[in-house]
Amino acid sequence: MTSFRPHPSVVSTDVEDAMVLLHLDTKRYFTLNSTGAAIWKRLSQGKAEDEIVSALAEEYDADPSRLAASVRRLLEQLEKAALIEPA
């Protein structure tokens, strides 16, 4: 399974129960909800996709297969927006 990391030109900050990402090269910003922020924080720690799914399944007491699909969707969106890159 592919591992990703935040793009070096992306900075992030917590805002209430969300997270804002700013891509310094494109000057575009993105907002993640609390679950997206939890995924981003784990990406920033160097966690692989399967490790993120396992941690979230435990933290949120959620179905791992549904979580895996949601994590995959978000990673695809983040990669398409050049916010993450393969590690």
Protein backbone atom coordinates (compact mmCIF):
# COMPACT_ATOMS: atom_id res chain seq x y z
CA MET A 1 0.00 0.00 0.00
CA THR A 2 1.32 3.41 -0.93
CA SER A 3 2.43 5.79 1.78
CA PHE A 4 2.04 9.50 1.39
CA ARG A 5 3.46 12.56 3.09
CA PRO A 6 2.42 16.20 3.07
CA HIS A 7 3.85 18.17 0.16
CA PRO A 8 6.80 20.27 1.40
CA SER A 9 5.04 23.50 0.30
CA VAL A 10 1.93 22.83 2.39
CA VAL A 11 1.47 24.33 5.83
CA SER A 12 -1.35 23.44 8.18
CA THR A 13 -3.00 24.87 11.25
CA ASP A 14 -5.79 23.73 13.57
CA VAL A 15 -8.88 25.94 13.56
CA GLU A 16 -11.51 24.95 16.14
CA ASP A 17 -12.44 21.35 15.28
CA ALA A 18 -11.03 21.53 11.75
CA MET A 19 -7.72 22.06 9.99
CA VAL A 20 -6.76 24.52 7.29
CA LEU A 21 -4.10 23.63 4.72
CA LEU A 22 -2.35 26.26 2.61
CA HIS A 23 -0.31 25.32 -0.44
CA LEU A 24 2.32 28.04 -0.58
CA ASP A 25 3.09 27.48 -4.28
CA THR A 26 -0.48 27.60 -5.58
CA LYS A 27 -1.80 30.00 -2.88
CA ARG A 28 -4.87 27.76 -2.53
CA TYR A 29 -6.23 26.76 0.85
CA PHE A 30 -8.29 23.78 1.89
CA THR A 31 -10.31 22.96 4.98
CA LEU A 32 -10.49 19.50 6.53
CA ASN A 33 -13.13 18.42 9.02
CA SER A 34 -12.10 16.73 12.26
CA THR A 35 -11.76 13.30 10.64
CA GLY A 36 -9.76 14.74 7.75
CA ALA A 37 -7.57 16.54 10.28
CA ALA A 38 -6.96 13.24 12.12
CA ILE A 39 -5.89 11.67 8.82
CA TRP A 40 -3.62 14.64 8.01
CA LYS A 41 -1.94 14.50 11.41
CA ARG A 42 -1.15 10.82 10.92
CA LEU A 43 0.19 11.48 7.42
CA SER A 44 2.43 14.13 8.97
CA GLN A 45 3.71 11.49 11.40
CA GLY A 46 4.70 9.23 8.50
CA LYS A 47 1.90 6.70 9.00
CA ALA A 48 0.97 4.44 6.07
CA GLU A 49 -2.60 4.27 4.81
CA ASP A 50 -3.35 0.96 6.57
CA GLU A 51 -1.95 2.30 9.85
CA ILE A 52 -4.20 5.36 9.54
CA VAL A 53 -7.26 3.18 8.95
CA SER A 54 -6.42 0.97 11.95
CA ALA A 55 -5.90 3.96 14.24
CA LEU A 56 -9.14 5.65 13.13
CA ALA A 57 -11.13 2.41 13.46
CA GLU A 58 -9.97 2.16 17.04
CA GLU A 59 -10.42 5.86 17.82
CA TYR A 60 -13.90 6.19 16.28
CA ASP A 61 -15.13 2.60 16.87
CA ALA A 62 -16.05 2.47 13.18
CA ASP A 63 -16.20 -0.23 10.52
CA PRO A 64 -12.65 -0.62 9.10
CA SER A 65 -13.85 -1.33 5.55
CA ARG A 66 -15.95 1.86 5.41
CA LEU A 67 -13.11 3.82 6.98
CA ALA A 68 -10.63 2.40 4.46
CA ALA A 69 -12.84 3.62 1.60
CA SER A 70 -13.19 7.07 3.18
CA VAL A 71 -9.44 7.37 3.84
CA ARG A 72 -8.71 6.28 0.24
CA ARG A 73 -11.13 8.93 -1.13
CA LEU A 74 -9.54 11.69 0.93
CA LEU A 75 -6.01 10.64 -0.04
CA GLU A 76 -7.01 10.70 -3.72
CA GLN A 77 -8.45 14.21 -3.29
CA LEU A 78 -5.36 15.43 -1.43
CA GLU A 79 -3.07 13.96 -4.05
CA LYS A 80 -5.09 15.46 -6.92
CA ALA A 81 -4.79 18.88 -5.22
CA ALA A 82 -1.00 18.34 -4.83
CA LEU A 83 -1.28 18.56 -1.05
CA ILE A 84 0.40 15.18 -0.56
CA GLU A 85 2.98 13.18 -2.46
CA PRO A 86 4.12 9.55 -2.38
CA ALA A 87 6.57 8.92 0.45
